[in-house]
Structure formats: C-alpha cells, structure tokens
Amino acid sequence: MWVVIMAESFAFVCNLGVMGKTTTGSVLGFIGKFVNCVLSFLVFSVLDVLDVVLCYVYKIIDFFMEDEWKSCYCSSPKETIINSGNILVSEKGEVEKIVCLTSTKLHLEEISDTLYSRPSLAVEVSKTTVKRRKVVLTSVSKTKNVQSHSPPSFMVNNTIVEMLQEKIGRRHKPHRVPRWSDCDCDTCNSWSHSSCKDTLFVHIGGRKDNVSENVLFIHGFISSSAFWTETLFPNFSRSIKSKYRLFAIDLLGFGKSPKPHDSLYTMKEHLDMIERSVLEHNKVESFHIVAHSLGCILALALAVKYPNSVKSLTLLAPPYFPTPKGEEATQYMMRKVAPRQVWPLIAFGASMAAWYEHVSRTICLLICRQHRTWEFLAKLITRNRIRTYLIDGFCCHTHNAAWHTLHNVICGTAAKMGGYLDTLQNQLNCSVNVFHGEDDELIPVECSDHVKNKVPRANVKVIKKKDHLTIVVGRQEAFARELEHIWKNAKTR
C-alpha cells in the first residue's frame, strides 16, 4: 500500500513539474485522497482480522444458544464439498463456484461467488501495488512493454455447501424463529403470525378493484415499502388514486415480509415472491414499475420476463457498472458498490456490509435487534417531531436477508445487467425514465449514463443537489407529478 502511495506521489510531483503550476484545490484534493487511502488501509486491515475472530465467537454463541454451529462462508470448499449428484460445481480458475442444487425439494440458481470468494485487503493491495507501481514507472520513464502479474498469495475461499445441506434438512433441526441475534418484535415478525407466510407484505393504495392501470413500487436495499407509502402515496392526485391501483411491496427478508432463516435470497426467489404476491394474487395483466437502487435490478429482470405487460419503467439510481474486459463481473460490482473506503461514510457502511460476514452480523445485532431502543431515543431527542419510517425500513431485516440479497442479487446479477438493458432496448416498447441524484455517493451518476448508452430512448434526468435518498425524500410532491406525467403519456404509446 505504501508503495502505491509513494508511486502516486512521485507521479503527482512529476506532473506538477511538467505543468509548472498547480492550484490549492488540487493539492487539498490530493492530500484528502492520500489520508483516505491510508486510513482505509489501516481500518480495513483491522476488520480483516476482526471478522476472523468474530467467526469463532459466533460459532461458540450459536452452539450454546441453538445447540449447533451456524454455518458460514469461512470454510474451505475443497474440504466440505460432497461428491454427489445433488451439487453442481463450476470451476473457473482456482475458485470453486456452486451454481445450483437440484433435488426434489430444492432448486437454486446462480449463487454469487462473492459469497465465498472475497480477497482480503492485504492480497488486493499486494496485487495492486505491483501493477500500479509499474504503470506509474511507465508513465514517468516512458518505458514500454512493462507487464505485471502477481497472483494472490492467499484467498478467502468459502463454501455454501453446509448451508445448502441445512436447507434440505438432511442433518440439522430447524432453527427457532426468530434467531437469537434477530429482532423478535411484532413488526419484524408479523409474517410468522400470519396465514400468508408464503407471500410478501403488499401495501395497496389507490383504487382497489375494477382497474386497468397498475403500478408496482420496488424499494432499494435495506429499505421497505414505507419509502413509497410515506412519501409518494399521500401526494398522488385524486385522479390517479381513483384510476390506478398502487402496489408497494416489502421485498423478501425486509420490512413486514417473510424472513426465512434458510433462504439464500437469490434473484429467482425474489422474483418468484413478487410474481406470487402481486401479479398472480391480484390478477395483474399489465403494469408500470417504479424502482429504486437494488429494486432497479429486480425491475429490469421483471420487465424482461413480462415484455408485453410493462407499460413504463422508472428507475431511480440504477446500479449499472459495465464490466471492463478481463474483469470478473461479480467481483467488479462488489468493488464498485463497496470500495473499502472510510470516506464517504455511505461507502464505508456498504463496504462493511459486503466484505465482512461476521462484522455485518454484529452491526445487525447492535442496530436491527435494538431498533426499538434507537427509535425511542430518536423520538425522545426530537420530542417526537420526526417520522421514523426510514429508520424502520433500515432496521427491519435480518443479517441473513441483507447479506445474501446484497451478494446474490446486486453482485450476482452484474453480468446480466447488460443483457437486460439490450432486451429492454430491442424487444420492449415501454417508456423508460431514469432519475439520479447529482450528489449520490453510493451509486454515482455515471451509472445512469451507462444505462442511457445501452438504451438510447431512455429519458435520463439528473436532479441537482440530491443524493441517494433525497432524490425522493424531500421532493415527493414534485416526483409524484413527474410519475403521473410518465404514466399518462405511456398510455398512448
């Protein structure tokens, strides 16, 4: 890491010498990047070690609390894979990837390799150091044909075999619901007391029957249907509410929807639940889609699956990062959405959630399981003057749901996003509208530019001085009007 920093510093000084001048802003910017780089290296090196320690801590606690180990992704797949007809293993390079499990009880597809193959920071730094040092030396000395090759000295190879075996119930007894590390409040577990344990929680607004216009709202990562119902739903016009049926769902594992402990929260599972809970249950034949962040991935997959049913597609902050040639799509996506930097803070949070299974479980234990305490303190401090729907949506999930959804949906479908957009451009006639906050530090504006490149007919609008959340929150009235305009115009297409 220090070699990288010194090399970049040397190149920077050389560039200044060539330019002959510089500005205070560029110097301060460089210093800021330098400090962020050093702090990030130190913090995430500590987290690498801490996650290993927490792995053993949770195994011991799980054993005493639930009479068995909680399987995780820290085992070597070579030692645990059982050579049977039930498990299909696809090898690419040196990393084993379990693609699917087929049995009479279970069929899983496309488990992301980021679940069990996450290089430690030391490996990435050692690999990047050699490459970037040679690139810098090349730019300074103008030498040619400098090649870099530094294979990882070690890789955190993990496995999902134990979890799959647990899922089909060969050896393990069922866990109690909720688990000891998950919240046991009525909101988080309302699904366990309901007769609808196999369907999502769906908030239906607008007209309830005899309608031809339907709208499906899909929230983002670690959120809930309240992101829509507390902002947009009250601001739609009477005309819209009298003609449109509005469906806002809690995705599987979030909000008031089921949070099965043994689910791997794959793309297929999420889509199946949306189809079963909304389209089939309510006999929806055509619909508009409004989606935010993670929801954009599900929206695109749904539109591709129902090309003749989607009337309009509205995407807010779509996470689309085209994969450079030679890169692994899943790993590239994880590095983009979780860059392992301490600043900005939203990137720091995303990095802990994506790279460290046991650190992120600890965060859920401290925040999600104790969310009633945090909500009470928030109301006490503000004298009950703020609405806590964003806190509720952020806290009402389990670690198992967040961890697997992040990897299996956000990272696992990275290679498919380009194909989804190609299909959208070439085979679908629905209107496409993309909104993005100019100050979004989690999903940069360039993602919407990439969507525009793949779907030229898409109408892309960048909202000034808005970020990942305030693209809706705080401008709900204006956005409600924009959506109404989109839906009304889509009817004439």
Protein backbone atom coordinates (compact mmCIF):
# COMPACT_ATOMS: atom_id res chain seq x y z
CA MET A 1 0.00 0.00 0.00
CA TRP A 2 2.75 2.40 0.92
CA VAL A 3 4.50 1.64 -2.36
CA VAL A 4 1.32 2.62 -4.21
CA ILE A 5 1.03 5.87 -2.30
CA MET A 6 4.69 6.76 -2.80
CA ALA A 7 4.48 5.91 -6.51
CA GLU A 8 1.39 8.05 -6.96
CA SER A 9 3.03 10.88 -5.02
CA PHE A 10 6.09 10.69 -7.26
CA ALA A 11 3.93 10.76 -10.39
CA PHE A 12 1.93 13.67 -8.98
CA VAL A 13 5.09 15.70 -8.29
CA CYS A 14 6.41 14.93 -11.79
CA ASN A 15 3.15 16.10 -13.30
CA LEU A 16 3.35 19.33 -11.30
CA GLY A 17 6.84 19.87 -12.61
CA VAL A 18 5.61 19.47 -16.16
CA MET A 19 2.63 21.75 -15.62
CA GLY A 20 4.70 24.35 -13.80
CA LYS A 21 1.80 25.35 -11.63
CA THR A 22 -0.97 23.96 -9.52
CA THR A 23 -3.96 25.09 -7.53
CA THR A 24 -4.77 24.93 -3.86
CA GLY A 25 -7.82 22.83 -4.66
CA SER A 26 -5.84 20.13 -6.45
CA VAL A 27 -3.30 19.93 -3.61
CA LEU A 28 -6.01 19.67 -0.97
CA GLY A 29 -7.79 17.07 -3.07
CA PHE A 30 -4.65 15.00 -3.34
CA ILE A 31 -4.00 15.26 0.41
CA GLY A 32 -7.57 14.20 1.10
CA LYS A 33 -7.23 11.14 -1.12
CA PHE A 34 -3.90 10.32 0.50
CA VAL A 35 -5.36 10.44 4.03
CA ASN A 36 -8.44 8.48 2.98
CA CYS A 37 -6.23 5.84 1.39
CA VAL A 38 -4.04 5.42 4.47
CA LEU A 39 -6.95 5.36 6.93
CA SER A 40 -8.85 2.91 4.74
CA PHE A 41 -5.89 0.56 4.62
CA LEU A 42 -5.48 0.63 8.41
CA VAL A 43 -9.19 0.30 9.23
CA PHE A 44 -9.96 -2.49 6.79
CA SER A 45 -6.82 -4.41 7.71
CA VAL A 46 -8.14 -4.45 11.27
CA LEU A 47 -11.58 -5.52 10.01
CA ASP A 48 -9.99 -8.42 8.10
CA VAL A 49 -8.64 -9.77 11.37
CA LEU A 50 -11.74 -8.89 13.39
CA ASP A 51 -14.01 -10.80 11.03
CA VAL A 52 -11.97 -13.98 11.54
CA VAL A 53 -12.16 -13.57 15.32
CA LEU A 54 -15.92 -12.94 15.20
CA CYS A 55 -16.39 -16.10 13.14
CA TYR A 56 -15.26 -18.22 16.10
CA VAL A 57 -17.15 -16.05 18.59
CA TYR A 58 -20.45 -16.57 16.77
CA LYS A 59 -19.86 -20.29 16.36
CA ILE A 60 -19.49 -20.62 20.12
CA ILE A 61 -22.50 -18.41 20.91
CA ASP A 62 -24.67 -20.16 18.30
CA PHE A 63 -23.71 -23.51 19.77
CA PHE A 64 -24.77 -22.51 23.28
CA MET A 65 -27.91 -20.64 22.17
CA GLU A 66 -29.12 -23.07 19.49
CA ASP A 67 -27.25 -26.31 20.18
CA GLU A 68 -25.39 -26.23 16.84
CA TRP A 69 -22.95 -24.25 14.77
CA LYS A 70 -24.25 -21.58 12.43
CA SER A 71 -22.77 -22.41 9.04
CA CYS A 72 -20.94 -19.54 7.38
CA TYR A 73 -18.73 -18.87 4.37
CA CYS A 74 -15.39 -19.24 6.10
CA SER A 75 -14.76 -22.95 5.39
CA SER A 76 -12.67 -24.39 2.59
CA PRO A 77 -14.94 -25.71 -0.17
CA LYS A 78 -12.42 -28.42 -1.07
CA GLU A 79 -12.85 -29.97 2.34
CA THR A 80 -16.64 -29.81 2.52
CA ILE A 81 -17.95 -30.48 -0.99
CA ILE A 82 -19.57 -33.88 -1.12
CA ASN A 83 -19.32 -35.70 -4.42
CA SER A 84 -22.98 -36.40 -5.06
CA GLY A 85 -25.46 -35.85 -7.85
CA ASN A 86 -27.18 -33.10 -5.90
CA ILE A 87 -24.45 -30.47 -6.16
CA LEU A 88 -23.14 -29.00 -9.39
CA VAL A 89 -19.77 -27.28 -9.05
CA SER A 90 -18.49 -24.98 -11.77
CA GLU A 91 -14.79 -24.21 -11.63
CA LYS A 92 -13.29 -21.06 -13.07
CA GLY A 93 -9.63 -20.52 -12.41
CA GLU A 94 -8.92 -21.59 -8.86
CA VAL A 95 -12.24 -20.58 -7.33
CA GLU A 96 -14.95 -23.19 -6.85
CA LYS A 97 -18.41 -21.87 -7.59
CA ILE A 98 -21.59 -23.67 -6.67
CA VAL A 99 -24.10 -22.84 -9.35
CA CYS A 100 -27.17 -24.80 -8.31
CA LEU A 101 -28.51 -27.58 -6.18
CA THR A 102 -31.12 -29.87 -7.67
CA SER A 103 -33.30 -32.18 -5.61
CA THR A 104 -36.94 -33.00 -5.18
CA LYS A 105 -37.22 -30.29 -2.54
CA LEU A 106 -34.95 -27.51 -3.69
CA HIS A 107 -33.66 -25.85 -6.81
CA LEU A 108 -31.31 -22.89 -6.52
CA GLU A 109 -29.73 -20.88 -9.31
CA GLU A 110 -26.75 -18.62 -9.66
CA ILE A 111 -25.25 -18.22 -6.24
CA SER A 112 -22.78 -15.33 -6.40
CA ASP A 113 -19.14 -16.28 -5.98
CA THR A 114 -18.67 -13.13 -3.89
CA LEU A 115 -20.29 -15.00 -1.02
CA TYR A 116 -17.34 -17.33 -0.66
CA SER A 117 -14.52 -15.66 -2.59
CA ARG A 118 -13.62 -12.29 -1.10
CA PRO A 119 -9.90 -11.39 -1.25
CA SER A 120 -8.51 -9.87 1.91
CA LEU A 121 -7.25 -6.31 1.69
CA ALA A 122 -3.65 -7.47 2.05
CA VAL A 123 -4.00 -9.64 -1.07
CA GLU A 124 -5.58 -6.89 -3.12
CA VAL A 125 -3.03 -4.34 -2.01
CA SER A 126 -0.08 -6.62 -2.80
CA LYS A 127 -1.59 -7.37 -6.19
CA THR A 128 -2.44 -3.75 -6.95
CA THR A 129 0.91 -2.46 -5.71
CA VAL A 130 2.89 -4.34 -8.32
CA LYS A 131 0.52 -3.39 -11.14
CA ARG A 132 0.17 0.28 -10.28
CA ARG A 133 3.85 0.75 -9.48
CA LYS A 134 4.77 -0.49 -12.95
CA VAL A 135 2.11 1.68 -14.56
CA VAL A 136 3.44 4.77 -12.77
CA LEU A 137 7.04 3.99 -13.63
CA THR A 138 5.99 3.52 -17.24
CA SER A 139 4.28 6.93 -17.34
CA VAL A 140 7.29 8.66 -15.80
CA SER A 141 10.12 6.98 -17.69
CA LYS A 142 8.15 6.39 -20.89
CA THR A 143 9.26 2.79 -20.96
CA LYS A 144 7.22 0.22 -22.85
CA ASN A 145 6.08 -3.37 -22.56
CA VAL A 146 6.06 -3.44 -18.76
CA GLN A 147 3.98 -6.40 -17.67
CA SER A 148 2.59 -7.06 -14.21
CA HIS A 149 1.49 -10.32 -12.80
CA SER A 150 1.09 -11.00 -9.12
CA PRO A 151 -1.25 -13.84 -8.25
CA PRO A 152 -2.84 -13.68 -4.79
CA SER A 153 -0.77 -15.24 -2.05
CA PHE A 154 -3.92 -16.36 -0.31
CA MET A 155 -7.65 -16.16 -0.94
CA VAL A 156 -10.56 -16.38 1.47
CA ASN A 157 -12.32 -19.28 -0.24
CA ASN A 158 -15.61 -20.11 1.44
CA THR A 159 -18.46 -22.53 0.78
CA ILE A 160 -22.21 -22.70 0.78
CA VAL A 161 -22.40 -26.47 0.83
CA GLU A 162 -23.16 -26.69 4.56
CA MET A 163 -25.91 -24.13 4.25
CA LEU A 164 -27.44 -25.95 1.29
CA GLN A 165 -27.37 -29.21 3.22
CA GLU A 166 -29.01 -27.45 6.12
CA LYS A 167 -31.70 -26.11 3.78
CA ILE A 168 -32.77 -29.53 2.54
CA GLY A 169 -32.83 -30.74 6.13
CA ARG A 170 -30.52 -33.71 5.99
CA ARG A 171 -28.78 -33.24 9.29
CA HIS A 172 -29.98 -30.18 11.12
CA LYS A 173 -33.09 -29.45 13.04
CA PRO A 174 -34.96 -26.21 12.28
CA HIS A 175 -33.84 -23.03 13.97
CA ARG A 176 -36.24 -21.25 16.22
CA VAL A 177 -37.77 -18.14 14.66
CA PRO A 178 -36.53 -15.54 15.20
CA ARG A 179 -32.92 -16.48 15.84
CA TRP A 180 -31.27 -15.18 18.99
CA SER A 181 -29.39 -12.46 17.06
CA ASP A 182 -32.51 -11.23 15.20
CA CYS A 183 -35.21 -8.87 16.45
CA ASP A 184 -38.28 -10.51 17.99
CA CYS A 185 -40.68 -7.53 17.80
CA ASP A 186 -44.14 -7.77 16.23
CA THR A 187 -43.18 -5.60 13.25
CA CYS A 188 -40.18 -7.69 12.26
CA ASN A 189 -42.02 -10.95 12.78
CA SER A 190 -45.58 -10.12 11.78
CA TRP A 191 -45.27 -12.61 8.92
CA SER A 192 -44.71 -15.52 11.34
CA HIS A 193 -48.11 -14.87 12.95
CA SER A 194 -49.93 -14.53 9.63
CA SER A 195 -51.56 -17.08 7.38
CA CYS A 196 -49.67 -15.56 4.42
CA LYS A 197 -46.21 -16.92 5.17
CA ASP A 198 -45.50 -17.63 1.50
CA THR A 199 -46.30 -14.17 0.16
CA LEU A 200 -44.80 -10.72 0.58
CA PHE A 201 -46.31 -7.88 2.55
CA VAL A 202 -48.07 -5.68 -0.01
CA HIS A 203 -49.47 -2.23 0.70
CA ILE A 204 -52.21 -1.46 -1.82
CA GLY A 205 -53.14 2.16 -2.45
CA GLY A 206 -55.45 3.91 -4.87
CA ARG A 207 -58.40 2.08 -6.33
CA LYS A 208 -58.82 -1.48 -5.11
CA ASP A 209 -60.88 -3.09 -7.91
CA ASN A 210 -62.14 -2.67 -11.48
CA VAL A 211 -58.94 -1.01 -12.64
CA SER A 212 -56.88 -1.40 -15.78
CA GLU A 213 -53.87 0.61 -14.56
CA ASN A 214 -51.49 -0.90 -12.02
CA VAL A 215 -48.20 0.37 -10.62
CA LEU A 216 -45.61 -1.75 -8.82
CA PHE A 217 -43.17 0.02 -6.49
CA ILE A 218 -39.94 -1.82 -5.58
CA HIS A 219 -37.76 -0.37 -2.82
CA GLY A 220 -33.98 -0.44 -2.56
CA PHE A 221 -31.51 -2.28 -0.36
CA ILE A 222 -32.22 -2.27 3.39
CA SER A 223 -35.48 -0.37 2.97
CA SER A 224 -39.20 -1.12 2.88
CA SER A 225 -42.49 -0.20 1.22
CA ALA A 226 -42.70 2.80 3.57
CA PHE A 227 -40.14 4.50 1.33
CA TRP A 228 -43.03 4.92 -1.11
CA THR A 229 -46.14 4.91 1.07
CA GLU A 230 -44.88 7.65 3.40
CA THR A 231 -43.67 9.91 0.60
CA LEU A 232 -45.41 9.43 -2.74
CA PHE A 233 -48.73 7.80 -1.92
CA PRO A 234 -50.13 10.79 0.03
CA ASN A 235 -49.10 13.15 -2.78
CA PHE A 236 -50.73 11.48 -5.76
CA SER A 237 -53.68 13.36 -7.22
CA ARG A 238 -57.27 12.28 -6.74
CA SER A 239 -57.40 11.39 -10.41
CA ILE A 240 -54.55 8.90 -10.04
CA LYS A 241 -55.94 7.42 -6.84
CA SER A 242 -59.34 6.89 -8.50
CA LYS A 243 -57.94 5.13 -11.58
CA TYR A 244 -54.72 3.42 -10.55
CA ARG A 245 -54.02 0.54 -8.22
CA LEU A 246 -50.72 1.11 -6.43
CA PHE A 247 -48.70 -1.83 -5.08
CA ALA A 248 -45.80 -1.14 -2.71
CA ILE A 249 -44.07 -4.33 -1.57
CA ASP A 250 -41.66 -5.28 1.15
CA LEU A 251 -39.08 -7.48 -0.55
CA LEU A 252 -38.37 -10.94 0.80
CA GLY A 253 -36.39 -10.56 4.02
CA PHE A 254 -37.27 -6.90 4.57
CA GLY A 255 -39.97 -4.90 6.32
CA LYS A 256 -43.03 -6.96 7.21
CA SER A 257 -42.39 -9.66 4.60
CA PRO A 258 -41.23 -13.19 5.48
CA LYS A 259 -37.61 -13.52 6.58
CA PRO A 260 -36.87 -17.26 6.33
CA HIS A 261 -33.56 -18.08 8.01
CA ASP A 262 -32.73 -20.80 5.48
CA SER A 263 -33.30 -18.75 2.33
CA LEU A 264 -30.36 -17.73 0.16
CA TYR A 265 -32.34 -14.78 -1.24
CA THR A 266 -31.44 -15.38 -4.86
CA MET A 267 -32.80 -13.40 -7.78
CA LYS A 268 -35.16 -16.28 -8.55
CA GLU A 269 -36.55 -16.32 -5.02
CA HIS A 270 -37.17 -12.56 -5.03
CA LEU A 271 -38.87 -12.62 -8.43
CA ASP A 272 -40.99 -15.65 -7.57
CA MET A 273 -42.27 -13.92 -4.44
CA ILE A 274 -43.13 -10.73 -6.35
CA GLU A 275 -44.99 -12.69 -9.01
CA ARG A 276 -46.88 -14.78 -6.46
CA SER A 277 -47.74 -11.90 -4.13
CA VAL A 278 -48.69 -9.21 -6.66
CA LEU A 279 -49.12 -10.37 -10.24
CA GLU A 280 -50.79 -13.73 -9.65
CA HIS A 281 -52.64 -12.95 -6.43
CA ASN A 282 -54.18 -9.75 -7.81
CA LYS A 283 -54.53 -10.96 -11.42
CA VAL A 284 -52.37 -8.12 -12.74
CA GLU A 285 -52.00 -8.31 -16.53
CA SER A 286 -50.25 -5.01 -17.27
CA PHE A 287 -48.38 -2.61 -15.03
CA HIS A 288 -45.97 0.26 -14.63
CA ILE A 289 -42.82 -0.20 -12.50
CA VAL A 290 -41.13 2.33 -10.24
CA ALA A 291 -37.91 1.07 -8.63
CA HIS A 292 -35.06 2.45 -6.54
CA SER A 293 -31.45 1.25 -6.37
CA LEU A 294 -31.46 -2.54 -5.78
CA GLY A 295 -35.08 -2.54 -6.91
CA CYS A 296 -33.94 -1.44 -10.39
CA ILE A 297 -32.22 -4.80 -10.90
CA LEU A 298 -35.40 -6.67 -9.99
CA ALA A 299 -37.45 -4.28 -12.13
CA LEU A 300 -35.31 -4.95 -15.20
CA ALA A 301 -35.49 -8.72 -14.69
CA LEU A 302 -39.26 -8.48 -14.27
CA ALA A 303 -39.63 -6.34 -17.40
CA VAL A 304 -37.59 -8.81 -19.44
CA LYS A 305 -39.73 -11.67 -18.18
CA TYR A 306 -43.01 -9.84 -18.92
CA PRO A 307 -42.15 -7.79 -22.04
CA ASN A 308 -45.77 -7.40 -23.15
CA SER A 309 -47.07 -6.39 -19.73
CA VAL A 310 -44.83 -3.48 -18.75
CA LYS A 311 -46.18 -0.07 -19.79
CA SER A 312 -43.46 2.12 -18.32
CA LEU A 313 -40.24 1.61 -16.41
CA THR A 314 -38.99 4.28 -14.00
CA LEU A 315 -35.58 3.64 -12.48
CA LEU A 316 -34.07 5.68 -9.65
CA ALA A 317 -30.30 5.39 -9.20
CA PRO A 318 -29.87 2.13 -11.15
CA PRO A 319 -26.66 0.32 -10.10
CA TYR A 320 -25.23 -0.47 -13.53
CA PHE A 321 -21.44 -0.71 -13.83
CA PRO A 322 -20.35 -2.19 -17.19
CA THR A 323 -17.64 -4.77 -16.54
CA PRO A 324 -14.26 -3.99 -18.14
CA LYS A 325 -12.74 -6.66 -20.31
CA GLY A 326 -10.84 -9.24 -18.31
CA GLU A 327 -12.66 -8.49 -15.06
CA GLU A 328 -14.97 -10.87 -13.18
CA ALA A 329 -18.39 -9.16 -13.20
CA THR A 330 -19.42 -10.15 -9.67
CA GLN A 331 -16.11 -9.14 -8.08
CA TYR A 332 -16.00 -5.90 -10.06
CA MET A 333 -19.51 -4.97 -8.96
CA MET A 334 -18.65 -5.61 -5.30
CA ARG A 335 -15.61 -3.35 -5.53
CA LYS A 336 -17.69 -0.59 -7.11
CA VAL A 337 -20.57 -0.60 -4.62
CA ALA A 338 -18.30 -1.42 -1.67
CA PRO A 339 -14.89 0.13 -2.37
CA ARG A 340 -13.48 -0.41 1.15
CA GLN A 341 -13.01 3.26 1.88
CA VAL A 342 -13.70 5.06 5.16
CA TRP A 343 -14.99 8.09 3.28
CA PRO A 344 -17.66 8.80 2.22
CA LEU A 345 -19.47 7.22 5.17
CA ILE A 346 -22.09 5.58 2.96
CA ALA A 347 -19.28 3.75 1.14
CA PHE A 348 -17.79 2.73 4.49
CA GLY A 349 -21.10 1.22 5.58
CA ALA A 350 -21.58 -0.57 2.27
CA SER A 351 -18.05 -1.97 2.48
CA MET A 352 -18.55 -3.44 5.94
CA ALA A 353 -21.85 -4.95 4.83
CA ALA A 354 -20.39 -6.54 1.69
CA TRP A 355 -16.92 -7.73 2.64
CA TYR A 356 -17.29 -8.94 6.22
CA GLU A 357 -19.91 -11.55 7.02
CA HIS A 358 -19.44 -11.51 10.78
CA VAL A 359 -18.78 -7.80 11.18
CA SER A 360 -22.00 -7.09 9.32
CA ARG A 361 -23.82 -9.59 11.53
CA THR A 362 -22.55 -7.68 14.56
CA ILE A 363 -23.85 -4.43 13.09
CA CYS A 364 -27.27 -6.02 12.63
CA LEU A 365 -27.12 -7.28 16.20
CA LEU A 366 -26.40 -3.79 17.52
CA ILE A 367 -28.72 -1.84 15.23
CA CYS A 368 -31.52 -4.06 13.92
CA ARG A 369 -32.10 -6.12 17.04
CA GLN A 370 -32.07 -2.96 19.16
CA HIS A 371 -34.05 -0.77 16.76
CA ARG A 372 -36.82 -0.15 19.29
CA THR A 373 -34.27 1.47 21.57
CA TRP A 374 -32.88 3.64 18.77
CA GLU A 375 -36.38 4.70 17.69
CA PHE A 376 -37.26 5.61 21.29
CA LEU A 377 -34.09 7.69 21.63
CA ALA A 378 -34.74 9.43 18.31
CA LYS A 379 -38.26 10.38 19.35
CA LEU A 380 -37.08 11.42 22.82
CA ILE A 381 -34.32 13.66 21.49
CA THR A 382 -36.53 15.25 18.82
CA ARG A 383 -39.60 15.32 21.11
CA ASN A 384 -41.45 13.06 18.69
CA ARG A 385 -41.18 15.62 15.90
CA ILE A 386 -39.70 13.35 13.25
CA ARG A 387 -41.18 10.42 11.39
CA THR A 388 -39.12 7.29 11.73
CA TYR A 389 -40.19 5.36 8.60
CA LEU A 390 -36.66 5.47 7.17
CA ILE A 391 -35.28 4.08 10.44
CA ASP A 392 -37.96 1.40 10.45
CA GLY A 393 -37.10 0.37 6.90
CA PHE A 394 -33.39 0.39 7.63
CA CYS A 395 -33.70 -1.77 10.75
CA CYS A 396 -36.48 -4.20 9.85
CA HIS A 397 -34.45 -7.01 8.27
CA THR A 398 -32.19 -9.87 9.26
CA HIS A 399 -28.49 -10.21 8.59
CA ASN A 400 -29.15 -13.36 6.58
CA ALA A 401 -31.53 -11.46 4.28
CA ALA A 402 -29.29 -8.43 3.78
CA TRP A 403 -26.09 -10.44 3.33
CA HIS A 404 -27.46 -12.84 0.71
CA THR A 405 -29.54 -10.25 -1.15
CA LEU A 406 -26.52 -7.97 -1.49
CA HIS A 407 -24.34 -10.73 -2.89
CA ASN A 408 -26.81 -12.85 -4.85
CA VAL A 409 -28.84 -10.02 -6.39
CA ILE A 410 -26.62 -6.92 -6.55
CA CYS A 411 -23.30 -8.67 -7.22
CA GLY A 412 -24.58 -11.96 -8.63
CA THR A 413 -26.52 -10.38 -11.49
CA ALA A 414 -23.80 -7.95 -12.58
CA ALA A 415 -23.04 -9.96 -15.71
CA LYS A 416 -26.71 -9.96 -16.70
CA MET A 417 -27.42 -6.24 -16.46
CA GLY A 418 -26.09 -5.50 -19.94
CA GLY A 419 -28.30 -8.24 -21.39
CA TYR A 420 -31.35 -6.93 -19.56
CA LEU A 421 -30.77 -3.46 -20.98
CA ASP A 422 -30.20 -4.81 -24.51
CA THR A 423 -33.51 -6.66 -24.30
CA LEU A 424 -35.19 -3.52 -22.97
CA GLN A 425 -33.91 -1.52 -25.93
CA ASN A 426 -34.52 -4.06 -28.67
CA GLN A 427 -37.59 -6.02 -27.60
CA LEU A 428 -39.66 -3.83 -25.27
CA ASN A 429 -41.73 -0.82 -26.33
CA CYS A 430 -42.37 0.61 -22.87
CA SER A 431 -41.24 4.10 -21.97
CA VAL A 432 -38.02 4.23 -19.92
CA ASN A 433 -37.26 7.03 -17.48
CA VAL A 434 -34.19 7.29 -15.27
CA PHE A 435 -33.73 9.66 -12.32
CA HIS A 436 -30.47 10.16 -10.46
CA GLY A 437 -29.31 12.44 -7.67
CA GLU A 438 -26.35 14.61 -8.63
CA ASP A 439 -24.76 14.12 -5.19
CA ASP A 440 -25.33 10.36 -4.94
CA GLU A 441 -22.17 8.96 -3.30
CA LEU A 442 -23.30 5.33 -3.29
CA ILE A 443 -24.42 4.87 -6.90
CA PRO A 444 -22.69 7.58 -9.00
CA VAL A 445 -24.45 9.44 -11.79
CA GLU A 446 -22.26 7.66 -14.34
CA CYS A 447 -24.43 4.55 -13.81
CA SER A 448 -27.40 6.31 -15.38
CA ASP A 449 -25.15 7.49 -18.20
CA HIS A 450 -24.26 3.85 -18.83
CA VAL A 451 -27.97 2.98 -18.94
CA LYS A 452 -28.50 5.77 -21.48
CA ASN A 453 -25.73 4.33 -23.65
CA LYS A 454 -27.44 0.93 -23.67
CA VAL A 455 -30.98 2.30 -24.01
CA PRO A 456 -30.77 5.48 -26.12
CA ARG A 457 -34.50 6.13 -25.91
CA ALA A 458 -34.34 6.37 -22.10
CA ASN A 459 -35.12 9.78 -20.67
CA VAL A 460 -32.41 10.47 -18.06
CA LYS A 461 -32.89 13.29 -15.56
CA VAL A 462 -30.19 14.28 -13.05
CA ILE A 463 -31.62 16.05 -10.00
CA LYS A 464 -29.40 18.83 -8.71
CA LYS A 465 -28.23 18.78 -5.09
CA LYS A 466 -29.96 15.46 -4.34
CA ASP A 467 -28.42 12.20 -3.17
CA HIS A 468 -29.39 8.52 -2.99
CA LEU A 469 -32.39 9.12 -0.71
CA THR A 470 -33.31 12.77 -1.22
CA ILE A 471 -33.99 12.03 -4.85
CA VAL A 472 -37.41 11.09 -3.43
CA VAL A 473 -37.45 12.15 0.24
CA GLY A 474 -37.95 15.91 0.38
CA ARG A 475 -39.15 16.25 -3.20
CA GLN A 476 -42.04 13.80 -3.06
CA GLU A 477 -44.63 16.23 -4.40
CA ALA A 478 -42.59 17.09 -7.46
CA PHE A 479 -41.71 13.46 -8.11
CA ALA A 480 -45.35 12.40 -7.74
CA ARG A 481 -46.26 14.86 -10.50
CA GLU A 482 -43.44 13.54 -12.68
CA LEU A 483 -44.64 9.96 -12.25
CA GLU A 484 -48.21 10.90 -13.10
CA HIS A 485 -46.98 12.55 -16.30
CA ILE A 486 -44.99 9.42 -17.21
CA TRP A 487 -47.94 7.09 -16.65
CA LYS A 488 -50.42 9.22 -18.59
CA ASN A 489 -48.10 9.56 -21.57
CA ALA A 490 -47.27 5.85 -21.51
CA LYS A 491 -50.93 5.05 -22.13
CA THR A 492 -50.68 6.49 -25.62
CA ARG A 493 -47.59 4.51 -26.67
